[in-house]
Every structure is written in C-alpha cells, then in structure tokens.
Amino acid sequence: MAKFVNRWIVNSISIYVIAWLFEGVAVKGFATAMSAALMLSVLNMLIRPVLIVLTLPINIMTLGIFTFILNGFMLKAVDFFVGGFMIDSFATAVLASVMLTFLNMAITGMTKPERRRR
C-alpha cells in the first residue's frame, strides 16, 4: 500500500510540473493533479494491459516507441474523466506522456533509498 501511495504522489507531482511546463496542459490545483494521477493509475491497471497486448505487433515494430502513444491515449482519457484537468490535443498528450515518464523516473530515482553494498 505504501508503494502505491508513493507512486500516486510522484505521479501527482509530475502532472503538476507538466501543467506548469506545457501550455496545452492545464490543472486547476494540486488536488486536481492528485485526482488525475489516481485516475491515471486506475486506467493503467485496468485498460493499459489489454491495450499493450492488442498493440504488441506495432509496439515490436517501433521498438516500444508506440507505448508513448498509448500513454498519450491514457492521458486524454484522464482529461475526459477528471474535471479541472485539460489537455488541448492528442499531440500534446503524447508529449506530456513522454515528459511524465522521464519525470517519474527522475523523481523516483531521487526518492529511492540507496542499497547498501556488502
């Protein structure tokens, strides 16, 4: 449960930063960013695995780059479901998904405790 809460907070911070960086992404406040991150997590748990399997051939042909298109689709779906979270276009959603991936990796890397070497 703690891992889910940590990822939820990291996603919320990332969405809030992306809204600050991109003109085409708008978030009314941090509470909206938290709602959007929660909805994104739910959609990623329920719908994304099915979409990954269905698009596996094109994902293999593009060496995984098509995953960013799927992530953009997920962000547009969050735009549909969460009031106060708006993305102007699908292209903006794809760029935001790329940025979301890298921000999540960076924030998670900074907050992850170091392992001790033996």
PDB file of N, CA and C in Angstrom:
ATOM      1  N   MET A   1       0.818  -1.193   0.000  1.00  0.00           N
ATOM      2  CA  MET A   1       0.000   0.000   0.000  1.00  0.00           C
ATOM      3  C   MET A   1       0.865   1.261   0.000  1.00  0.00           C
ATOM      4  N   ALA A   2       1.980   1.215   0.735  1.00  0.00           N
ATOM      5  CA  ALA A   2       2.868   2.372   0.789  1.00  0.00           C
ATOM      6  C   ALA A   2       3.481   2.647  -0.582  1.00  0.00           C
ATOM      7  N   LYS A   3       3.765   1.596  -1.342  1.00  0.00           N
ATOM      8  CA  LYS A   3       4.329   1.760  -2.676  1.00  0.00           C
ATOM      9  C   LYS A   3       3.329   2.461  -3.603  1.00  0.00           C
ATOM     10  N   PHE A   4       2.048   2.085  -3.497  1.00  0.00           N
ATOM     11  CA  PHE A   4       1.004   2.718  -4.310  1.00  0.00           C
ATOM     12  C   PHE A   4       0.881   4.195  -3.960  1.00  0.00           C
ATOM     13  N   VAL A   5       0.881   4.532  -2.678  1.00  0.00           N
ATOM     14  CA  VAL A   5       0.760   5.923  -2.245  1.00  0.00           C
ATOM     15  C   VAL A   5       1.969   6.729  -2.724  1.00  0.00           C
ATOM     16  N   ASN A   6       3.151   6.128  -2.647  1.00  0.00           N
ATOM     17  CA  ASN A   6       4.360   6.804  -3.119  1.00  0.00           C
ATOM     18  C   ASN A   6       4.267   7.087  -4.616  1.00  0.00           C
ATOM     19  N   ARG A   7       3.836   6.113  -5.391  1.00  0.00           N
ATOM     20  CA  ARG A   7       3.712   6.309  -6.843  1.00  0.00           C
ATOM     21  C   ARG A   7       2.638   7.334  -7.160  1.00  0.00           C
ATOM     22  N   TRP A   8       1.558   7.340  -6.366  1.00  0.00           N
ATOM     23  CA  TRP A   8       0.479   8.297  -6.561  1.00  0.00           C
ATOM     24  C   TRP A   8       0.989   9.723  -6.346  1.00  0.00           C
ATOM     25  N   ILE A   9       1.767   9.932  -5.297  1.00  0.00           N
ATOM     26  CA  ILE A   9       2.315  11.259  -5.011  1.00  0.00           C
ATOM     27  C   ILE A   9       3.312  11.674  -6.089  1.00  0.00           C
ATOM     28  N   VAL A  10       4.152  10.748  -6.530  1.00  0.00           N
ATOM     29  CA  VAL A  10       5.126  11.048  -7.583  1.00  0.00           C
ATOM     30  C   VAL A  10       4.399  11.410  -8.876  1.00  0.00           C
ATOM     31  N   ASN A  11       3.354  10.657  -9.236  1.00  0.00           N
ATOM     32  CA  ASN A  11       2.564  10.980 -10.421  1.00  0.00           C
ATOM     33  C   ASN A  11       1.894  12.340 -10.285  1.00  0.00           C
ATOM     34  N   SER A  12       1.389  12.660  -9.108  1.00  0.00           N
ATOM     35  CA  SER A  12       0.729  13.945  -8.883  1.00  0.00           C
ATOM     36  C   SER A  12       1.712  15.097  -9.078  1.00  0.00           C
ATOM     37  N   ILE A  13       2.896  14.956  -8.515  1.00  0.00           N
ATOM     38  CA  ILE A  13       3.916  15.994  -8.680  1.00  0.00           C
ATOM     39  C   ILE A  13       4.297  16.132 -10.150  1.00  0.00           C
ATOM     40  N   SER A  14       4.453  15.007 -10.833  1.00  0.00           N
ATOM     41  CA  SER A  14       4.829  15.035 -12.252  1.00  0.00           C
ATOM     42  C   SER A  14       3.751  15.710 -13.095  1.00  0.00           C
ATOM     43  N   ILE A  15       2.496  15.393 -12.849  1.00  0.00           N
ATOM     44  CA  ILE A  15       1.402  16.013 -13.601  1.00  0.00           C
ATOM     45  C   ILE A  15       1.363  17.515 -13.338  1.00  0.00           C
ATOM     46  N   TYR A  16       1.581  17.907 -12.103  1.00  0.00           N
ATOM     47  CA  TYR A  16       1.569  19.324 -11.756  1.00  0.00           C
ATOM     48  C   TYR A  16       2.713  20.063 -12.458  1.00  0.00           C
ATOM     49  N   VAL A  17       3.895  19.462 -12.497  1.00  0.00           N
ATOM     50  CA  VAL A  17       5.044  20.066 -13.174  1.00  0.00           C
ATOM     51  C   VAL A  17       4.802  20.149 -14.675  1.00  0.00           C
ATOM     52  N   ILE A  18       4.225  19.110 -15.259  1.00  0.00           N
ATOM     53  CA  ILE A  18       3.934  19.108 -16.699  1.00  0.00           C
ATOM     54  C   ILE A  18       2.944  20.216 -17.038  1.00  0.00           C
ATOM     55  N   ALA A  19       1.946  20.425 -16.193  1.00  0.00           N
ATOM     56  CA  ALA A  19       0.988  21.507 -16.427  1.00  0.00           C
ATOM     57  C   ALA A  19       1.684  22.865 -16.372  1.00  0.00           C
ATOM     58  N   TRP A  20       2.699  22.975 -15.544  1.00  0.00           N
ATOM     59  CA  TRP A  20       3.453  24.217 -15.443  1.00  0.00           C
ATOM     60  C   TRP A  20       4.344  24.412 -16.668  1.00  0.00           C
ATOM     61  N   LEU A  21       4.891  23.317 -17.224  1.00  0.00           N
ATOM     62  CA  LEU A  21       5.810  23.400 -18.355  1.00  0.00           C
ATOM     63  C   LEU A  21       5.111  23.575 -19.702  1.00  0.00           C
ATOM     64  N   PHE A  22       3.995  22.885 -19.914  1.00  0.00           N
ATOM     65  CA  PHE A  22       3.307  22.890 -21.205  1.00  0.00           C
ATOM     66  C   PHE A  22       2.104  23.823 -21.178  1.00  0.00           C
ATOM     67  N   GLU A  23       1.967  24.622 -22.233  1.00  0.00           N
ATOM     68  CA  GLU A  23       0.792  25.483 -22.345  1.00  0.00           C
ATOM     69  C   GLU A  23      -0.473  24.681 -22.602  1.00  0.00           C
ATOM     70  N   GLY A  24      -0.363  23.566 -23.280  1.00  0.00           N
ATOM     71  CA  GLY A  24      -1.523  22.776 -23.665  1.00  0.00           C
ATOM     72  C   GLY A  24      -2.080  21.892 -22.568  1.00  0.00           C
ATOM     73  N   VAL A  25      -1.449  21.887 -21.397  1.00  0.00           N
ATOM     74  CA  VAL A  25      -1.915  21.079 -20.269  1.00  0.00           C
ATOM     75  C   VAL A  25      -2.275  22.038 -19.139  1.00  0.00           C
ATOM     76  N   ALA A  26      -3.477  21.872 -18.600  1.00  0.00           N
ATOM     77  CA  ALA A  26      -3.932  22.753 -17.515  1.00  0.00           C
ATOM     78  C   ALA A  26      -4.462  21.917 -16.356  1.00  0.00           C
ATOM     79  N   VAL A  27      -4.062  22.307 -15.152  1.00  0.00           N
ATOM     80  CA  VAL A  27      -4.538  21.671 -13.926  1.00  0.00           C
ATOM     81  C   VAL A  27      -4.971  22.795 -12.994  1.00  0.00           C
ATOM     82  N   LYS A  28      -6.168  22.678 -12.431  1.00  0.00           N
ATOM     83  CA  LYS A  28      -6.683  23.752 -11.574  1.00  0.00           C
ATOM     84  C   LYS A  28      -5.931  23.881 -10.262  1.00  0.00           C
ATOM     85  N   GLY A  29      -5.418  22.803  -9.735  1.00  0.00           N
ATOM     86  CA  GLY A  29      -4.682  22.846  -8.476  1.00  0.00           C
ATOM     87  C   GLY A  29      -4.059  21.496  -8.195  1.00  0.00           C
ATOM     88  N   PHE A  30      -3.343  21.418  -7.072  1.00  0.00           N
ATOM     89  CA  PHE A  30      -2.672  20.161  -6.753  1.00  0.00           C
ATOM     90  C   PHE A  30      -3.667  19.047  -6.437  1.00  0.00           C
ATOM     91  N   ALA A  31      -4.825  19.401  -5.858  1.00  0.00           N
ATOM     92  CA  ALA A  31      -5.848  18.387  -5.588  1.00  0.00           C
ATOM     93  C   ALA A  31      -6.350  17.778  -6.896  1.00  0.00           C
ATOM     94  N   THR A  32      -6.476  18.592  -7.933  1.00  0.00           N
ATOM     95  CA  THR A  32      -6.870  18.079  -9.248  1.00  0.00           C
ATOM     96  C   THR A  32      -5.777  17.197  -9.822  1.00  0.00           C
ATOM     97  N   ALA A  33      -4.517  17.594  -9.615  1.00  0.00           N
ATOM     98  CA  ALA A  33      -3.399  16.761 -10.079  1.00  0.00           C
ATOM     99  C   ALA A  33      -3.422  15.410  -9.372  1.00  0.00           C
ATOM    100  N   MET A  34      -3.775  15.403  -8.082  1.00  0.00           N
ATOM    101  CA  MET A  34      -3.867  14.137  -7.349  1.00  0.00           C
ATOM    102  C   MET A  34      -5.019  13.280  -7.881  1.00  0.00           C
ATOM    103  N   SER A  35      -6.144  13.912  -8.210  1.00  0.00           N
ATOM    104  CA  SER A  35      -7.269  13.174  -8.796  1.00  0.00           C
ATOM    105  C   SER A  35      -6.896  12.605 -10.158  1.00  0.00           C
ATOM    106  N   ALA A  36      -6.206  13.411 -10.967  1.00  0.00           N
ATOM    107  CA  ALA A  36      -5.784  12.950 -12.290  1.00  0.00           C
ATOM    108  C   ALA A  36      -4.790  11.792 -12.165  1.00  0.00           C
ATOM    109  N   ALA A  37      -3.881  11.880 -11.210  1.00  0.00           N
ATOM    110  CA  ALA A  37      -2.903  10.804 -11.010  1.00  0.00           C
ATOM    111  C   ALA A  37      -3.595   9.530 -10.541  1.00  0.00           C
ATOM    112  N   LEU A  38      -4.593   9.658  -9.680  1.00  0.00           N
ATOM    113  CA  LEU A  38      -5.334   8.484  -9.226  1.00  0.00           C
ATOM    114  C   LEU A  38      -6.092   7.846 -10.384  1.00  0.00           C
ATOM    115  N   MET A  39      -6.756   8.661 -11.205  1.00  0.00           N
ATOM    116  CA  MET A  39      -7.485   8.133 -12.361  1.00  0.00           C
ATOM    117  C   MET A  39      -6.521   7.502 -13.357  1.00  0.00           C
ATOM    118  N   LEU A  40      -5.365   8.110 -13.559  1.00  0.00           N
ATOM    119  CA  LEU A  40      -4.365   7.536 -14.461  1.00  0.00           C
ATOM    120  C   LEU A  40      -3.886   6.182 -13.944  1.00  0.00           C
ATOM    121  N   SER A  41      -3.706   6.068 -12.642  1.00  0.00           N
ATOM    122  CA  SER A  41      -3.300   4.793 -12.054  1.00  0.00           C
ATOM    123  C   SER A  41      -4.361   3.719 -12.251  1.00  0.00           C
ATOM    124  N   VAL A  42      -5.616   4.089 -12.058  1.00  0.00           N
ATOM    125  CA  VAL A  42      -6.713   3.127 -12.234  1.00  0.00           C
ATOM    126  C   VAL A  42      -6.801   2.682 -13.695  1.00  0.00           C
ATOM    127  N   LEU A  43      -6.721   3.633 -14.621  1.00  0.00           N
ATOM    128  CA  LEU A  43      -6.771   3.281 -16.039  1.00  0.00           C
ATOM    129  C   LEU A  43      -5.575   2.430 -16.446  1.00  0.00           C
ATOM    130  N   ASN A  44      -4.401   2.738 -15.893  1.00  0.00           N
ATOM    131  CA  ASN A  44      -3.214   1.941 -16.205  1.00  0.00           C
ATOM    132  C   ASN A  44      -3.324   0.521 -15.670  1.00  0.00           C
ATOM    133  N   MET A  45      -4.028   0.348 -14.554  1.00  0.00           N
ATOM    134  CA  MET A  45      -4.208  -1.000 -14.007  1.00  0.00           C
ATOM    135  C   MET A  45      -5.248  -1.795 -14.794  1.00  0.00           C
ATOM    136  N   LEU A  46      -6.306  -1.136 -15.253  1.00  0.00           N
ATOM    137  CA  LEU A  46      -7.418  -1.856 -15.857  1.00  0.00           C
ATOM    138  C   LEU A  46      -7.343  -1.953 -17.381  1.00  0.00           C
ATOM    139  N   ILE A  47      -7.022  -0.868 -18.047  1.00  0.00           N
ATOM    140  CA  ILE A  47      -7.122  -0.823 -19.510  1.00  0.00           C
ATOM    141  C   ILE A  47      -5.782  -1.001 -20.212  1.00  0.00           C
ATOM    142  N   ARG A  48      -4.728  -0.445 -19.658  1.00  0.00           N
ATOM    143  CA  ARG A  48      -3.430  -0.458 -20.327  1.00  0.00           C
ATOM    144  C   ARG A  48      -2.907  -1.856 -20.649  1.00  0.00           C
ATOM    145  N   PRO A  49      -3.027  -2.843 -19.751  1.00  0.00           N
ATOM    146  CA  PRO A  49      -2.530  -4.181 -20.114  1.00  0.00           C
ATOM    147  C   PRO A  49      -3.220  -4.764 -21.352  1.00  0.00           C
ATOM    148  N   VAL A  50      -4.505  -4.522 -21.484  1.00  0.00           N
ATOM    149  CA  VAL A  50      -5.243  -5.012 -22.659  1.00  0.00           C
ATOM    150  C   VAL A  50      -4.739  -4.308 -23.916  1.00  0.00           C
ATOM    151  N   LEU A  51      -4.551  -2.991 -23.827  1.00  0.00           N
ATOM    152  CA  LEU A  51      -4.061  -2.247 -24.984  1.00  0.00           C
ATOM    153  C   LEU A  51      -2.643  -2.647 -25.366  1.00  0.00           C
ATOM    154  N   ILE A  52      -1.812  -2.943 -24.390  1.00  0.00           N
ATOM    155  CA  ILE A  52      -0.440  -3.381 -24.678  1.00  0.00           C
ATOM    156  C   ILE A  52      -0.465  -4.695 -25.456  1.00  0.00           C
ATOM    157  N   VAL A  53      -1.302  -5.619 -25.040  1.00  0.00           N
ATOM    158  CA  VAL A  53      -1.393  -6.912 -25.738  1.00  0.00           C
ATOM    159  C   VAL A  53      -1.954  -6.729 -27.145  1.00  0.00           C
ATOM    160  N   LEU A  54      -2.987  -5.901 -27.288  1.00  0.00           N
ATOM    161  CA  LEU A  54      -3.599  -5.694 -28.602  1.00  0.00           C
ATOM    162  C   LEU A  54      -2.656  -4.998 -29.589  1.00  0.00           C
ATOM    163  N   THR A  55      -1.793  -4.136 -29.084  1.00  0.00           N
ATOM    164  CA  THR A  55      -0.895  -3.387 -29.963  1.00  0.00           C
ATOM    165  C   THR A  55       0.528  -3.937 -29.958  1.00  0.00           C
ATOM    166  N   LEU A  56       0.692  -5.156 -29.495  1.00  0.00           N
ATOM    167  CA  LEU A  56       2.026  -5.741 -29.404  1.00  0.00           C
ATOM    168  C   LEU A  56       2.780  -5.769 -30.739  1.00  0.00           C
ATOM    169  N   PRO A  57       2.148  -6.147 -31.864  1.00  0.00           N
ATOM    170  CA  PRO A  57       2.913  -6.163 -33.122  1.00  0.00           C
ATOM    171  C   PRO A  57       3.481  -4.792 -33.509  1.00  0.00           C
ATOM    172  N   ILE A  58       2.656  -3.748 -33.392  1.00  0.00           N
ATOM    173  CA  ILE A  58       3.158  -2.410 -33.757  1.00  0.00           C
ATOM    174  C   ILE A  58       4.164  -1.912 -32.729  1.00  0.00           C
ATOM    175  N   ASN A  59       3.996  -2.329 -31.488  1.00  0.00           N
ATOM    176  CA  ASN A  59       4.947  -1.943 -30.457  1.00  0.00           C
ATOM    177  C   ASN A  59       6.306  -2.599 -30.710  1.00  0.00           C
ATOM    178  N   ILE A  60       6.308  -3.823 -31.176  1.00  0.00           N
ATOM    179  CA  ILE A  60       7.566  -4.506 -31.502  1.00  0.00           C
ATOM    180  C   ILE A  60       8.216  -3.843 -32.711  1.00  0.00           C
ATOM    181  N   MET A  61       7.402  -3.497 -33.725  1.00  0.00           N
ATOM    182  CA  MET A  61       7.950  -2.866 -34.930  1.00  0.00           C
ATOM    183  C   MET A  61       8.555  -1.491 -34.636  1.00  0.00           C
ATOM    184  N   THR A  62       7.993  -0.773 -33.675  1.00  0.00           N
ATOM    185  CA  THR A  62       8.505   0.561 -33.347  1.00  0.00           C
ATOM    186  C   THR A  62       9.484   0.533 -32.181  1.00  0.00           C
ATOM    187  N   LEU A  63       9.873  -0.660 -31.755  1.00  0.00           N
ATOM    188  CA  LEU A  63      10.817  -0.844 -30.650  1.00  0.00           C
ATOM    189  C   LEU A  63      10.351  -0.179 -29.361  1.00  0.00           C
ATOM    190  N   GLY A  64       9.046  -0.217 -29.131  1.00  0.00           N
ATOM    191  CA  GLY A  64       8.480   0.274 -27.883  1.00  0.00           C
ATOM    192  C   GLY A  64       8.068   1.730 -27.885  1.00  0.00           C
ATOM    193  N   ILE A  65       8.370   2.449 -28.953  1.00  0.00           N
ATOM    194  CA  ILE A  65       8.015   3.870 -29.016  1.00  0.00           C
ATOM    195  C   ILE A  65       6.499   4.053 -29.027  1.00  0.00           C
ATOM    196  N   PHE A  66       5.763   3.091 -29.566  1.00  0.00           N
ATOM    197  CA  PHE A  66       4.305   3.190 -29.616  1.00  0.00           C
ATOM    198  C   PHE A  66       3.696   3.232 -28.214  1.00  0.00           C
ATOM    199  N   THR A  67       4.438   2.809 -27.216  1.00  0.00           N
ATOM    200  CA  THR A  67       3.953   2.868 -25.836  1.00  0.00           C
ATOM    201  C   THR A  67       3.648   4.304 -25.431  1.00  0.00           C
ATOM    202  N   PHE A  68       4.428   5.260 -25.935  1.00  0.00           N
ATOM    203  CA  PHE A  68       4.158   6.662 -25.633  1.00  0.00           C
ATOM    204  C   PHE A  68       2.820   7.108 -26.228  1.00  0.00           C
ATOM    205  N   ILE A  69       2.454   6.547 -27.377  1.00  0.00           N
ATOM    206  CA  ILE A  69       1.148   6.850 -27.981  1.00  0.00           C
ATOM    207  C   ILE A  69       0.042   6.322 -27.068  1.00  0.00           C
ATOM    208  N   LEU A  70       0.223   5.101 -26.554  1.00  0.00           N
ATOM    209  CA  LEU A  70      -0.774   4.543 -25.625  1.00  0.00           C
ATOM    210  C   LEU A  70      -0.867   5.378 -24.352  1.00  0.00           C
ATOM    211  N   ASN A  71       0.275   5.822 -23.855  1.00  0.00           N
ATOM    212  CA  ASN A  71       0.266   6.670 -22.664  1.00  0.00           C
ATOM    213  C   ASN A  71      -0.434   8.000 -22.937  1.00  0.00           C
ATOM    214  N   GLY A  72      -0.256   8.540 -24.135  1.00  0.00           N
ATOM    215  CA  GLY A  72      -0.974   9.757 -24.520  1.00  0.00           C
ATOM    216  C   GLY A  72      -2.470   9.526 -24.563  1.00  0.00           C
ATOM    217  N   PHE A  73      -2.865   8.357 -25.058  1.00  0.00           N
ATOM    218  CA  PHE A  73      -4.282   7.985 -25.064  1.00  0.00           C
ATOM    219  C   PHE A  73      -4.820   7.922 -23.636  1.00  0.00           C
ATOM    220  N   MET A  74      -4.027   7.369 -22.730  1.00  0.00           N
ATOM    221  CA  MET A  74      -4.450   7.299 -21.325  1.00  0.00           C
ATOM    222  C   MET A  74      -4.610   8.695 -20.726  1.00  0.00           C
ATOM    223  N   LEU A  75      -3.698   9.602 -21.057  1.00  0.00           N
ATOM    224  CA  LEU A  75      -3.808  10.969 -20.548  1.00  0.00           C
ATOM    225  C   LEU A  75      -5.039  11.674 -21.107  1.00  0.00           C
ATOM    226  N   LYS A  76      -5.360  11.437 -22.378  1.00  0.00           N
ATOM    227  CA  LYS A  76      -6.577  12.021 -22.940  1.00  0.00           C
ATOM    228  C   LYS A  76      -7.820  11.438 -22.273  1.00  0.00           C
ATOM    229  N   ALA A  77      -7.772  10.176 -21.906  1.00  0.00           N
ATOM    230  CA  ALA A  77      -8.889   9.569 -21.179  1.00  0.00           C
ATOM    231  C   ALA A  77      -9.047  10.207 -19.803  1.00  0.00           C
ATOM    232  N   VAL A  78      -7.934  10.487 -19.147  1.00  0.00           N
ATOM    233  CA  VAL A  78      -7.986  11.169 -17.845  1.00  0.00           C
ATOM    234  C   VAL A  78      -8.571  12.563 -18.021  1.00  0.00           C
ATOM    235  N   ASP A  79      -8.218  13.233 -19.115  1.00  0.00           N
ATOM    236  CA  ASP A  79      -8.788  14.540 -19.437  1.00  0.00           C
ATOM    237  C   ASP A  79     -10.314  14.454 -19.531  1.00  0.00           C
ATOM    238  N   PHE A  80     -10.805  13.376 -20.101  1.00  0.00           N
ATOM    239  CA  PHE A  80     -12.248  13.178 -20.248  1.00  0.00           C
ATOM    240  C   PHE A  80     -12.929  12.959 -18.892  1.00  0.00           C
ATOM    241  N   PHE A  81     -12.291  12.206 -18.004  1.00  0.00           N
ATOM    242  CA  PHE A  81     -12.925  11.806 -16.750  1.00  0.00           C
ATOM    243  C   PHE A  81     -12.740  12.796 -15.594  1.00  0.00           C
ATOM    244  N   VAL A  82     -11.656  13.546 -15.574  1.00  0.00           N
ATOM    245  CA  VAL A  82     -11.346  14.408 -14.428  1.00  0.00           C
ATOM    246  C   VAL A  82     -11.601  15.867 -14.804  1.00  0.00           C
ATOM    247  N   GLY A  83     -12.515  16.498 -14.100  1.00  0.00           N
ATOM    248  CA  GLY A  83     -12.770  17.912 -14.306  1.00  0.00           C
ATOM    249  C   GLY A  83     -11.630  18.736 -13.729  1.00  0.00           C
ATOM    250  N   GLY A  84     -11.233  19.790 -14.432  1.00  0.00           N
ATOM    251  CA  GLY A  84     -10.138  20.617 -13.968  1.00  0.00           C
ATOM    252  C   GLY A  84      -8.786  20.197 -14.522  1.00  0.00           C
ATOM    253  N   PHE A  85      -8.750  19.082 -15.233  1.00  0.00           N
ATOM    254  CA  PHE A  85      -7.525  18.610 -15.894  1.00  0.00           C
ATOM    255  C   PHE A  85      -7.810  18.613 -17.382  1.00  0.00           C
ATOM    256  N   MET A  86      -7.093  19.465 -18.129  1.00  0.00           N
ATOM    257  CA  MET A  86      -7.377  19.620 -19.553  1.00  0.00           C
ATOM    258  C   MET A  86      -6.108  19.507 -20.387  1.00  0.00           C
ATOM    259  N   ILE A  87      -6.217  18.763 -21.481  1.00  0.00           N
ATOM    260  CA  ILE A  87      -5.130  18.647 -22.455  1.00  0.00           C
ATOM    261  C   ILE A  87      -5.710  19.068 -23.797  1.00  0.00           C
ATOM    262  N   ASP A  88      -5.039  20.015 -24.471  1.00  0.00           N
ATOM    263  CA  ASP A  88      -5.569  20.594 -25.706  1.00  0.00           C
ATOM    264  C   ASP A  88      -5.695  19.603 -26.857  1.00  0.00           C
ATOM    265  N   SER A  89      -4.656  18.827 -27.112  1.00  0.00           N
ATOM    266  CA  SER A  89      -4.667  17.955 -28.285  1.00  0.00           C
ATOM    267  C   SER A  89      -4.015  16.619 -27.960  1.00  0.00           C
ATOM    268  N   PHE A  90      -4.184  15.684 -28.880  1.00  0.00           N
ATOM    269  CA  PHE A  90      -3.576  14.370 -28.699  1.00  0.00           C
ATOM    270  C   PHE A  90      -2.055  14.463 -28.775  1.00  0.00           C
ATOM    271  N   ALA A  91      -1.555  15.338 -29.645  1.00  0.00           N
ATOM    272  CA  ALA A  91      -0.103  15.512 -29.754  1.00  0.00           C
ATOM    273  C   ALA A  91       0.475  16.040 -28.442  1.00  0.00           C
ATOM    274  N   THR A  92      -0.223  16.959 -27.816  1.00  0.00           N
ATOM    275  CA  THR A  92       0.209  17.466 -26.517  1.00  0.00           C
ATOM    276  C   THR A  92       0.178  16.356 -25.478  1.00  0.00           C
ATOM    277  N   ALA A  93      -0.827  15.484 -25.555  1.00  0.00           N
ATOM    278  CA  ALA A  93      -0.934  14.362 -24.621  1.00  0.00           C
ATOM    279  C   ALA A  93       0.244  13.407 -24.792  1.00  0.00           C
ATOM    280  N   VAL A  94       0.655  13.159 -26.036  1.00  0.00           N
ATOM    281  CA  VAL A  94       1.796  12.269 -26.279  1.00  0.00           C
ATOM    282  C   VAL A  94       3.080  12.901 -25.752  1.00  0.00           C
ATOM    283  N   LEU A  95       3.296  14.192 -26.013  1.00  0.00           N
ATOM    284  CA  LEU A  95       4.486  14.870 -25.476  1.00  0.00           C
ATOM    285  C   LEU A  95       4.464  14.888 -23.949  1.00  0.00           C
ATOM    286  N   ALA A  96       3.288  15.110 -23.380  1.00  0.00           N
ATOM    287  CA  ALA A  96       3.172  15.101 -21.917  1.00  0.00           C
ATOM    288  C   ALA A  96       3.440  13.706 -21.366  1.00  0.00           C
ATOM    289  N   SER A  97       3.044  12.662 -22.098  1.00  0.00           N
ATOM    290  CA  SER A  97       3.302  11.295 -21.619  1.00  0.00           C
ATOM    291  C   SER A  97       4.793  10.985 -21.626  1.00  0.00           C
ATOM    292  N   VAL A  98       5.515  11.497 -22.625  1.00  0.00           N
ATOM    293  CA  VAL A  98       6.969  11.312 -22.657  1.00  0.00           C
ATOM    294  C   VAL A  98       7.597  12.021 -21.459  1.00  0.00           C
ATOM    295  N   MET A  99       7.168  13.256 -21.232  1.00  0.00           N
ATOM    296  CA  MET A  99       7.696  14.025 -20.104  1.00  0.00           C
ATOM    297  C   MET A  99       7.306  13.379 -18.780  1.00  0.00           C
ATOM    298  N   LEU A 100       6.092  12.847 -18.695  1.00  0.00           N
ATOM    299  CA  LEU A 100       5.630  12.176 -17.477  1.00  0.00           C
ATOM    300  C   LEU A 100       6.512  10.973 -17.162  1.00  0.00           C
ATOM    301  N   THR A 101       6.869  10.221 -18.175  1.00  0.00           N
ATOM    302  CA  THR A 101       7.731   9.059 -17.986  1.00  0.00           C
ATOM    303  C   THR A 101       9.092   9.473 -17.416  1.00  0.00           C
ATOM    304  N   PHE A 102       9.698  10.481 -18.031  1.00  0.00           N
ATOM    305  CA  PHE A 102      11.021  10.901 -17.575  1.00  0.00           C
ATOM    306  C   PHE A 102      10.983  11.572 -16.204  1.00  0.00           C
ATOM    307  N   LEU A 103       9.952  12.364 -15.937  1.00  0.00           N
ATOM    308  CA  LEU A 103       9.830  12.980 -14.611  1.00  0.00           C
ATOM    309  C   LEU A 103       9.622  11.930 -13.530  1.00  0.00           C
ATOM    310  N   ASN A 104       8.780  10.931 -13.810  1.00  0.00           N
ATOM    311  CA  ASN A 104       8.560   9.858 -12.835  1.00  0.00           C
ATOM    312  C   ASN A 104       9.852   9.108 -12.554  1.00  0.00           C
ATOM    313  N   MET A 105      10.632   8.836 -13.605  1.00  0.00           N
ATOM    314  CA  MET A 105      11.907   8.146 -13.407  1.00  0.00           C
ATOM    315  C   MET A 105      12.852   8.990 -12.567  1.00  0.00           C
ATOM    316  N   ALA A 106      12.913  10.288 -12.841  1.00  0.00           N
ATOM    317  CA  ALA A 106      13.819  11.172 -12.112  1.00  0.00           C
ATOM    318  C   ALA A 106      13.410  11.310 -10.648  1.00  0.00           C
ATOM    319  N   ILE A 107      12.123  11.555 -10.410  1.00  0.00           N
ATOM    320  CA  ILE A 107      11.660  11.743  -9.033  1.00  0.00           C
ATOM    321  C   ILE A 107      11.798  10.449  -8.246  1.00  0.00           C
ATOM    322  N   THR A 108      11.436   9.328  -8.856  1.00  0.00           N
ATOM    323  CA  THR A 108      11.565   8.038  -8.180  1.00  0.00           C
ATOM    324  C   THR A 108      13.033   7.737  -7.883  1.00  0.00           C
ATOM    325  N   GLY A 109      13.911   8.061  -8.819  1.00  0.00           N
ATOM    326  CA  GLY A 109      15.340   7.840  -8.598  1.00  0.00           C
ATOM    327  C   GLY A 109      15.896   8.678  -7.466  1.00  0.00           C
ATOM    328  N   MET A 110      15.377   9.887  -7.312  1.00  0.00           N
ATOM    329  CA  MET A 110      15.857  10.762  -6.235  1.00  0.00           C
ATOM    330  C   MET A 110      15.308  10.348  -4.875  1.00  0.00           C
ATOM    331  N   THR A 111      14.121   9.747  -4.850  1.00  0.00           N
ATOM    332  CA  THR A 111      13.494   9.407  -3.573  1.00  0.00           C
ATOM    333  C   THR A 111      13.753   7.972  -3.142  1.00  0.00           C
ATOM    334  N   LYS A 112      14.291   7.159  -4.034  1.00  0.00           N
ATOM    335  CA  LYS A 112      14.540   5.759  -3.688  1.00  0.00           C
ATOM    336  C   LYS A 112      15.737   5.669  -2.749  1.00  0.00           C
ATOM    337  N   PRO A 113      15.596   4.953  -1.639  1.00  0.00           N
ATOM    338  CA  PRO A 113      16.746   4.820  -0.736  1.00  0.00           C
ATOM    339  C   PRO A 113      17.845   3.987  -1.395  1.00  0.00           C
ATOM    340  N   GLU A 114      19.081   4.344  -1.071  1.00  0.00           N
ATOM    341  CA  GLU A 114      20.208   3.614  -1.640  1.00  0.00           C
ATOM    342  C   GLU A 114      20.340   2.249  -0.997  1.00  0.00           C
ATOM    343  N   ARG A 115      20.766   1.291  -1.812  1.00  0.00           N
ATOM    344  CA  ARG A 115      21.036  -0.046  -1.279  1.00  0.00           C
ATOM    345  C   ARG A 115      22.447  -0.079  -0.747  1.00  0.00           C
ATOM    346  N   ARG A 116      22.597  -0.803   0.325  1.00  0.00           N
ATOM    347  CA  ARG A 116      23.934  -0.977   0.892  1.00  0.00           C
ATOM    348  C   ARG A 116      24.657  -2.083   0.148  1.00  0.00           C
ATOM    349  N   ARG A 117      25.917  -1.826  -0.115  1.00  0.00           N
ATOM    350  CA  ARG A 117      26.735  -2.865  -0.729  1.00  0.00           C
ATOM    351  C   ARG A 117      27.377  -3.684   0.340  1.00  0.00           C
ATOM    352  N   ARG A 118      27.477  -4.968   0.097  1.00  0.00           N
ATOM    353  CA  ARG A 118      28.070  -5.871   1.084  1.00  0.00           C
ATOM    354  C   ARG A 118      29.489  -6.145   0.768  1.00  0.00           C
TER     355      ARG A 118
END
